[in-house]
Amino acid sequence: MNRPGLRARVEAARAGREQEGLLRRARTCDVLGGGRRVVGGRILTDFCGNDYLGLAGHRDLVAALTRAASAEGVGTGAAHLVSGHRGEHAALEHELAEWTGRQRALLFSTGVMANLGTLQALLGTAVHGRERALCVQDRLNHASLIDGASLADAELARYPHADADAAARQLDARPTRPALLATDGVFSMDGDVAPLARLATVCAERDALFYVDDAHGLGVLGPRGAGSVAAAGLGARDVPVLMGTLGKAVGCAGAFIAGDADLIEAVAQFARAYIYTTAMPAALAAATRAALRLVREDVDGRRERLRANVARFRAGAAQLGLGLMPSDTAIQPLVFGATTAAVDAARQLEQDGFLVVAIRPPTVPRGSARLRVTLSAAHTPDRIDALLDALGRLSARREAAAV
């Protein structure tokens, strides 16, 4: 038999990615206080993580996790629907639902699993019989949203970024299909906010279910940090399905889906990524509950500090003539275009004491490799100014080389 070798094909794909300079490698980043990391024996200031409110190492979270681990142990040992659902999980789900103005929330171990599982449950052929559902998505949506539609065997139709009129045309072209429209709330690589109010109207007028992945808006936008949907003045009727992650602004790990009770129960019954995985540690749920109290009350003014840091960075970048993308969120991309240019810039910033990872294809479209600078409430003004100085020197060297 002359069957083509699968291993050889995979290795050729890996080698091709390496040849293009697109191979990803994990680096050990040990944590110090104040947003600093030890990488390769050097202390760097982290300007690429998603701990937007600086809560990941907060003493209240550590104390809550330690107390719960002492009482509950570490692993839950079973899926939620077997014997892994603890009181801390139930309390966290209730608090997440109340925070986001929904009837019910359902915990997942990661945001990727939440999107894969929920879209598979809502769009899957097991729910709709033989008729394929339609999933309309923004072209710059997170990969897990795209993969979730594929996993469900739905027809995937993608519209140009943030173009609500194009989304409407996609729905109008298939008026007999059961449909769901999914979008990021805050786009993870560009930092801009989706036109949520317009998209909600598009969905309401066409009987399409509206799904918002608010991984990067939750905790930092809207009243009480309830996210981009709340910031847009929208509620549960406008956005029936809301996904949020707990490992970014909330400072912990995991994710949730929130919506009306019947819809969330359907997800619990059909989402394989929920049914067939071990529940997150109860101690982690306890730490997340402590984080939610801090996020909602924000007595330390962390959201305002983050807004001030974003404004400071953007003002300084404008003075230096740096071409930032139009984003008012913590995500501030600086596009270089060529992969080699972005990688060289990241390497130079590391030499200057800053950790800013180059984002390359296929994470972003070809020709749009970038530095994805992320701001946090934990960053001090002097560190932001120092990063701007380093970016200014980098820009001056590029201009000199182009002459």
Protein backbone atom coordinates (compact mmCIF):
# COMPACT_ATOMS: atom_id res chain seq x y z
CA MET A 1 0.00 0.00 0.00
CA ASN A 2 1.32 3.43 -0.94
CA ARG A 3 -0.71 5.51 1.47
CA PRO A 4 0.69 9.08 1.80
CA GLY A 5 2.46 9.55 5.12
CA LEU A 6 0.50 11.76 7.53
CA ARG A 7 3.54 12.37 9.72
CA ALA A 8 5.55 13.57 6.73
CA ARG A 9 2.78 15.93 5.67
CA VAL A 10 2.51 17.45 9.14
CA GLU A 11 6.28 17.84 9.38
CA ALA A 12 6.38 19.55 5.98
CA ALA A 13 3.74 22.02 7.17
CA ARG A 14 5.72 22.72 10.35
CA ALA A 15 8.93 23.21 8.37
CA GLY A 16 7.15 25.55 5.98
CA ARG A 17 5.91 27.68 8.84
CA GLU A 18 9.42 27.82 10.29
CA GLN A 19 10.87 28.86 6.94
CA GLU A 20 8.38 31.75 6.76
CA GLY A 21 9.41 32.94 10.22
CA LEU A 22 5.98 32.12 11.63
CA LEU A 23 6.85 29.34 14.07
CA ARG A 24 5.55 30.00 17.60
CA ARG A 25 7.54 28.99 20.67
CA ALA A 26 6.55 29.09 24.33
CA ARG A 27 8.87 31.00 26.64
CA THR A 28 9.02 30.70 30.40
CA CYS A 29 7.89 33.97 31.97
CA ASP A 30 8.23 33.92 35.75
CA VAL A 31 6.16 36.50 37.61
CA LEU A 32 7.43 39.40 39.67
CA GLY A 33 5.26 42.17 41.12
CA GLY A 34 4.29 45.33 39.26
CA GLY A 35 3.72 43.71 35.88
CA ARG A 36 7.29 42.47 35.60
CA ARG A 37 8.42 39.12 34.22
CA VAL A 38 11.68 37.18 34.33
CA VAL A 39 12.39 35.92 30.82
CA GLY A 40 15.68 34.24 29.98
CA GLY A 41 17.26 35.61 33.15
CA ARG A 42 16.24 39.23 32.39
CA ILE A 43 13.58 41.32 34.13
CA LEU A 44 11.12 42.75 31.60
CA THR A 45 8.00 44.88 31.95
CA ASP A 46 5.06 42.99 30.49
CA PHE A 47 3.17 45.00 27.88
CA CYS A 48 1.53 42.06 26.09
CA GLY A 49 -0.53 40.25 28.74
CA ASN A 50 -4.28 40.57 29.30
CA ASP A 51 -4.33 41.18 33.07
CA TYR A 52 -6.02 44.51 32.34
CA LEU A 53 -6.90 45.42 35.93
CA GLY A 54 -3.78 43.96 37.54
CA LEU A 55 -5.82 41.52 39.64
CA ALA A 56 -4.07 38.22 38.90
CA GLY A 57 -1.82 38.47 41.97
CA HIS A 58 -4.20 40.37 44.25
CA ARG A 59 -4.03 39.26 47.88
CA ASP A 60 -7.83 38.76 48.11
CA LEU A 61 -7.78 36.29 45.21
CA VAL A 62 -4.81 34.40 46.64
CA ALA A 63 -6.45 34.22 50.08
CA ALA A 64 -9.78 32.99 48.69
CA LEU A 65 -8.08 30.34 46.57
CA THR A 66 -5.94 29.17 49.50
CA ARG A 67 -8.90 28.90 51.89
CA ALA A 68 -11.00 26.96 49.40
CA ALA A 69 -8.14 24.64 48.42
CA SER A 70 -7.55 23.85 52.10
CA ALA A 71 -11.21 22.85 52.46
CA GLU A 72 -11.94 21.32 49.04
CA GLY A 73 -8.58 20.08 47.80
CA VAL A 74 -7.36 20.90 44.29
CA GLY A 75 -9.02 18.76 41.63
CA THR A 76 -12.79 18.28 41.41
CA GLY A 77 -12.38 14.81 39.95
CA ALA A 78 -15.46 14.83 37.72
CA ALA A 79 -17.49 16.78 35.20
CA HIS A 80 -20.16 19.24 36.39
CA LEU A 81 -22.97 16.85 35.43
CA VAL A 82 -21.42 13.92 37.33
CA SER A 83 -20.11 14.93 40.77
CA GLY A 84 -17.77 17.83 40.04
CA HIS A 85 -20.21 20.72 40.58
CA ARG A 86 -19.44 22.34 43.93
CA GLY A 87 -21.10 25.06 45.94
CA GLU A 88 -18.44 27.56 44.82
CA HIS A 89 -19.30 26.83 41.17
CA ALA A 90 -23.02 27.33 41.79
CA ALA A 91 -22.42 30.58 43.66
CA LEU A 92 -20.09 31.87 40.94
CA GLU A 93 -22.61 31.09 38.20
CA HIS A 94 -25.32 32.92 40.12
CA GLU A 95 -23.08 35.98 40.61
CA LEU A 96 -22.01 36.03 36.96
CA ALA A 97 -25.65 35.93 35.84
CA GLU A 98 -26.58 38.76 38.18
CA TRP A 99 -23.57 40.85 37.12
CA THR A 100 -24.37 40.55 33.43
CA GLY A 101 -28.14 40.90 33.83
CA ARG A 102 -28.97 37.37 32.67
CA GLN A 103 -31.12 34.63 34.16
CA ARG A 104 -28.41 31.99 34.23
CA ALA A 105 -24.71 31.44 33.60
CA LEU A 106 -22.78 28.25 32.82
CA LEU A 107 -19.07 27.76 33.59
CA PHE A 108 -16.53 26.42 31.11
CA SER A 109 -12.86 25.68 31.71
CA THR A 110 -11.62 28.06 28.96
CA GLY A 111 -12.99 30.65 26.57
CA VAL A 112 -12.12 28.46 23.61
CA MET A 113 -14.15 25.61 25.09
CA ALA A 114 -17.05 27.97 25.80
CA ASN A 115 -17.21 29.12 22.18
CA LEU A 116 -16.69 25.67 20.70
CA GLY A 117 -19.21 24.03 22.99
CA THR A 118 -21.89 26.69 22.85
CA LEU A 119 -21.83 27.12 19.08
CA GLN A 120 -21.86 23.37 18.61
CA ALA A 121 -24.87 23.17 20.92
CA LEU A 122 -26.81 26.03 19.33
CA LEU A 123 -25.97 25.38 15.68
CA GLY A 124 -25.43 21.64 15.59
CA THR A 125 -27.38 19.30 13.35
CA ALA A 126 -28.44 17.31 16.43
CA VAL A 127 -30.58 20.33 17.34
CA HIS A 128 -31.81 21.34 13.88
CA GLY A 129 -32.17 17.97 12.19
CA ARG A 130 -30.97 17.80 8.59
CA GLU A 131 -31.16 21.50 7.84
CA ARG A 132 -27.82 23.23 8.32
CA ALA A 133 -27.97 26.38 10.41
CA LEU A 134 -26.38 29.63 9.24
CA CYS A 135 -23.65 31.32 11.28
CA VAL A 136 -22.77 34.88 10.24
CA GLN A 137 -19.50 36.19 11.67
CA ASP A 138 -17.20 39.19 11.55
CA ARG A 139 -14.11 38.45 9.48
CA LEU A 140 -11.83 39.32 12.42
CA ASN A 141 -13.60 37.16 15.00
CA HIS A 142 -11.57 35.03 17.38
CA ALA A 143 -10.50 31.68 15.92
CA SER A 144 -12.64 29.74 18.42
CA LEU A 145 -15.83 31.35 17.08
CA ILE A 146 -14.93 30.32 13.55
CA ASP A 147 -13.98 26.82 14.68
CA GLY A 148 -17.19 26.51 16.69
CA ALA A 149 -19.29 27.08 13.58
CA SER A 150 -17.23 24.49 11.70
CA LEU A 151 -17.57 21.99 14.54
CA ALA A 152 -21.35 22.41 14.36
CA ASP A 153 -21.32 21.81 10.59
CA ALA A 154 -23.07 25.16 10.14
CA GLU A 155 -22.84 27.23 6.98
CA LEU A 156 -20.34 29.95 7.85
CA ALA A 157 -20.75 33.36 6.18
CA ARG A 158 -18.22 36.05 7.09
CA TYR A 159 -18.75 39.76 6.60
CA PRO A 160 -16.13 42.55 6.30
CA HIS A 161 -14.91 43.79 9.66
CA ALA A 162 -17.50 45.77 11.65
CA ASP A 163 -19.79 46.12 8.62
CA ALA A 164 -23.31 45.67 10.00
CA ASP A 165 -24.90 46.32 6.62
CA ALA A 166 -22.88 43.47 5.11
CA ALA A 167 -23.95 41.23 7.99
CA ALA A 168 -27.57 42.08 7.20
CA ARG A 169 -27.03 41.15 3.55
CA GLN A 170 -25.61 37.77 4.56
CA LEU A 171 -28.72 37.06 6.62
CA ASP A 172 -31.05 38.36 3.91
CA ALA A 173 -29.46 36.05 1.34
CA ARG A 174 -30.56 32.97 3.33
CA PRO A 175 -33.93 33.93 4.85
CA THR A 176 -35.15 30.35 5.44
CA ARG A 177 -32.17 29.17 7.51
CA PRO A 178 -32.14 29.23 11.33
CA ALA A 179 -29.37 31.77 11.99
CA LEU A 180 -26.94 33.03 14.59
CA LEU A 181 -24.73 36.12 14.27
CA ALA A 182 -21.53 36.05 16.34
CA THR A 183 -19.04 38.80 16.97
CA ASP A 184 -16.24 39.73 19.33
CA GLY A 185 -17.26 42.61 21.58
CA VAL A 186 -13.70 43.97 21.63
CA PHE A 187 -11.50 42.60 18.88
CA SER A 188 -8.44 40.97 20.38
CA MET A 189 -5.90 41.96 17.73
CA ASP A 190 -7.23 45.41 16.72
CA GLY A 191 -8.66 46.65 20.02
CA ASP A 192 -11.76 48.26 18.49
CA VAL A 193 -15.33 47.65 19.65
CA ALA A 194 -17.95 46.01 17.42
CA PRO A 195 -20.99 48.07 16.34
CA LEU A 196 -23.11 46.15 18.83
CA ALA A 197 -26.24 48.31 18.80
CA ARG A 198 -26.48 48.18 15.00
CA LEU A 199 -25.82 44.42 14.94
CA ALA A 200 -28.48 43.86 17.61
CA THR A 201 -31.00 45.67 15.39
CA VAL A 202 -29.94 43.60 12.38
CA CYS A 203 -30.53 40.40 14.36
CA ALA A 204 -33.85 41.53 15.83
CA GLU A 205 -35.22 42.48 12.43
CA ARG A 206 -34.22 39.11 10.93
CA ASP A 207 -34.94 36.70 13.82
CA ALA A 208 -31.27 35.78 14.17
CA LEU A 209 -29.79 34.84 17.54
CA PHE A 210 -27.13 37.39 18.59
CA TYR A 211 -23.96 36.03 20.26
CA VAL A 212 -21.25 38.30 21.68
CA ASP A 213 -17.82 37.07 22.80
CA ASP A 214 -16.84 39.75 25.33
CA ALA A 215 -13.51 38.27 26.39
CA HIS A 216 -11.69 41.61 26.17
CA GLY A 217 -14.52 43.94 27.22
CA LEU A 218 -15.71 42.23 30.38
CA GLY A 219 -14.34 43.88 33.51
CA VAL A 220 -13.06 47.04 31.83
CA LEU A 221 -16.02 48.50 29.91
CA GLY A 222 -19.55 49.44 30.94
CA PRO A 223 -21.19 50.09 34.30
CA ARG A 224 -19.64 47.95 37.06
CA GLY A 225 -17.32 46.57 34.38
CA ALA A 226 -20.18 44.51 32.91
CA GLY A 227 -18.59 44.72 29.46
CA SER A 228 -19.01 46.08 25.96
CA VAL A 229 -22.65 45.00 25.70
CA ALA A 230 -23.57 46.97 28.82
CA ALA A 231 -21.43 49.89 27.61
CA ALA A 232 -23.53 49.96 24.41
CA GLY A 233 -26.71 50.21 26.49
CA LEU A 234 -27.84 46.73 25.47
CA GLY A 235 -29.39 44.05 27.65
CA ALA A 236 -30.32 40.39 27.60
CA ARG A 237 -33.18 40.92 25.14
CA ASP A 238 -30.76 42.54 22.65
CA VAL A 239 -27.92 40.05 23.15
CA PRO A 240 -29.41 36.68 24.14
CA VAL A 241 -26.04 34.88 24.31
CA LEU A 242 -23.07 36.44 26.09
CA MET A 243 -19.68 34.78 26.51
CA GLY A 244 -17.11 36.15 28.94
CA THR A 245 -13.68 34.96 30.00
CA LEU A 246 -12.35 35.00 33.55
CA GLY A 247 -8.62 34.93 32.77
CA LYS A 248 -8.18 38.48 31.50
CA ALA A 249 -9.53 41.50 33.39
CA VAL A 250 -10.95 39.22 36.11
CA GLY A 251 -7.45 37.85 36.75
CA CYS A 252 -8.31 34.14 37.17
CA ALA A 253 -9.09 31.46 34.57
CA GLY A 254 -12.08 29.90 32.84
CA ALA A 255 -15.11 31.31 31.04
CA PHE A 256 -18.89 31.36 31.07
CA ILE A 257 -21.94 31.61 28.87
CA ALA A 258 -24.90 33.67 30.11
CA GLY A 259 -28.46 34.01 28.83
CA ASP A 260 -32.03 33.07 29.61
CA ALA A 261 -32.55 29.92 31.64
CA ASP A 262 -33.98 27.75 28.86
CA LEU A 263 -31.24 28.63 26.39
CA ILE A 264 -28.45 27.98 28.90
CA GLU A 265 -30.05 24.67 29.86
CA ALA A 266 -29.97 23.67 26.19
CA VAL A 267 -26.25 24.49 26.10
CA ALA A 268 -25.70 22.34 29.20
CA GLN A 269 -27.50 19.45 27.51
CA PHE A 270 -25.81 19.61 24.08
CA ALA A 271 -22.35 21.23 24.53
CA ARG A 272 -19.85 18.38 24.44
CA ALA A 273 -17.07 20.70 25.67
CA TYR A 274 -19.12 21.18 28.85
CA ILE A 275 -20.51 17.69 29.31
CA TYR A 276 -17.32 15.72 28.83
CA THR A 277 -14.70 17.68 30.75
CA THR A 278 -13.70 17.90 34.40
CA ALA A 279 -15.03 20.94 36.27
CA MET A 280 -12.56 23.69 37.12
CA PRO A 281 -11.17 23.53 40.68
CA ALA A 282 -13.62 24.85 43.27
CA ALA A 283 -10.74 26.88 44.71
CA LEU A 284 -10.44 28.69 41.39
CA ALA A 285 -14.15 29.45 41.45
CA ALA A 286 -13.73 30.87 44.97
CA ALA A 287 -10.87 33.09 43.79
CA THR A 288 -13.01 34.27 40.87
CA ARG A 289 -15.82 35.23 43.22
CA ALA A 290 -13.34 37.37 45.16
CA ALA A 291 -12.21 38.93 41.89
CA LEU A 292 -15.79 39.72 40.86
CA ARG A 293 -16.32 41.70 44.05
CA LEU A 294 -13.22 43.77 43.28
CA VAL A 295 -14.19 44.28 39.64
CA ARG A 296 -17.76 45.30 40.36
CA GLU A 297 -17.04 47.64 43.29
CA ASP A 298 -13.72 48.96 41.90
CA VAL A 299 -12.97 50.81 45.11
CA ASP A 300 -9.33 51.13 44.03
CA GLY A 301 -10.30 52.91 40.81
CA ARG A 302 -8.57 50.36 38.61
CA ARG A 303 -10.79 50.97 35.57
CA GLU A 304 -10.11 54.71 35.75
CA ARG A 305 -6.38 54.04 36.12
CA LEU A 306 -6.49 51.80 33.06
CA ARG A 307 -8.33 54.49 31.07
CA ALA A 308 -5.72 57.04 32.13
CA ASN A 309 -2.91 54.70 31.09
CA VAL A 310 -4.49 54.13 27.67
CA ALA A 311 -4.91 57.88 27.18
CA ARG A 312 -1.30 58.53 28.24
CA PHE A 313 0.05 55.93 25.85
CA ARG A 314 -2.02 57.15 22.90
CA ALA A 315 -1.11 60.80 23.53
CA GLY A 316 2.57 59.94 23.72
CA ALA A 317 2.38 57.81 20.58
CA ALA A 318 0.71 60.66 18.71
CA GLN A 319 3.50 63.04 19.72
CA LEU A 320 6.02 60.56 18.36
CA GLY A 321 4.08 60.08 15.13
CA LEU A 322 3.49 56.39 15.79
CA GLY A 323 0.65 55.02 13.67
CA LEU A 324 -1.56 53.31 16.22
CA MET A 325 -4.84 51.73 15.17
CA PRO A 326 -8.09 53.47 16.23
CA SER A 327 -8.63 51.82 19.61
CA ASP A 328 -9.68 53.30 22.95
CA THR A 329 -9.33 49.99 24.78
CA ALA A 330 -6.35 48.42 26.53
CA ILE A 331 -5.29 46.79 23.24
CA GLN A 332 -3.07 49.17 21.25
CA PRO A 333 -1.66 47.57 18.07
CA LEU A 334 1.24 49.06 16.13
CA VAL A 335 1.21 47.52 12.65
CA PHE A 336 4.56 46.91 10.89
CA GLY A 337 3.27 44.88 7.96
CA ALA A 338 6.22 42.58 7.31
CA THR A 339 6.74 39.71 9.74
CA THR A 340 10.48 40.30 9.94
CA ALA A 341 9.98 43.96 10.86
CA ALA A 342 7.59 43.11 13.70
CA VAL A 343 9.86 40.36 15.03
CA ASP A 344 12.91 42.65 14.90
CA ALA A 345 10.98 45.36 16.74
CA ALA A 346 9.91 42.95 19.49
CA ARG A 347 13.52 41.77 19.85
CA GLN A 348 14.77 45.35 20.16
CA LEU A 349 12.14 46.22 22.77
CA GLU A 350 13.18 43.17 24.76
CA GLN A 351 16.76 44.44 24.77
CA ASP A 352 15.36 47.71 26.16
CA GLY A 353 13.54 45.86 28.96
CA PHE A 354 10.02 45.39 27.56
CA LEU A 355 8.06 42.25 26.74
CA VAL A 356 5.91 43.02 23.67
CA VAL A 357 5.33 39.96 21.51
CA ALA A 358 5.16 40.22 17.72
CA ILE A 359 1.79 39.01 16.40
CA ARG A 360 2.17 37.36 13.00
CA PRO A 361 0.06 35.46 10.47
CA PRO A 362 -2.05 33.36 10.69
CA THR A 363 -3.21 35.09 13.89
CA VAL A 364 -3.54 38.31 11.87
CA PRO A 365 -3.94 38.67 8.08
CA ARG A 366 -0.81 38.51 5.92
CA GLY A 367 0.90 41.84 5.58
CA SER A 368 -0.38 43.09 8.96
CA ALA A 369 2.19 41.70 11.43
CA ARG A 370 2.24 43.92 14.48
CA LEU A 371 3.25 44.67 18.01
CA ARG A 372 0.17 44.24 20.20
CA VAL A 373 0.81 46.56 23.12
CA THR A 374 -1.61 45.98 26.01
CA LEU A 375 -2.04 48.37 28.90
CA SER A 376 -2.93 47.49 32.48
CA ALA A 377 -3.98 49.33 35.60
CA ALA A 378 -0.77 47.91 37.10
CA HIS A 379 1.45 49.94 34.75
CA THR A 380 2.96 53.05 36.27
CA PRO A 381 3.30 56.29 34.26
CA ASP A 382 7.09 56.05 34.26
CA ARG A 383 7.02 52.58 32.69
CA ILE A 384 4.58 53.74 29.99
CA ASP A 385 6.82 56.73 29.24
CA ALA A 386 9.85 54.45 29.10
CA LEU A 387 8.10 52.19 26.59
CA LEU A 388 7.21 55.23 24.48
CA ASP A 389 10.83 56.33 24.55
CA ALA A 390 11.91 52.90 23.35
CA LEU A 391 9.28 52.93 20.59
CA GLY A 392 10.46 56.40 19.56
CA ARG A 393 14.04 55.20 19.23
CA LEU A 394 12.84 52.21 17.27
CA SER A 395 10.87 54.45 14.90
CA ALA A 396 13.86 56.76 14.41
CA ARG A 397 16.11 53.82 13.51
CA ARG A 398 13.56 52.54 10.98
CA GLU A 399 13.30 55.97 9.37
CA ALA A 400 17.07 56.31 9.19
CA ALA A 401 17.39 52.89 7.58
CA ALA A 402 14.77 53.81 4.97
CA VAL A 403 16.68 56.92 3.85
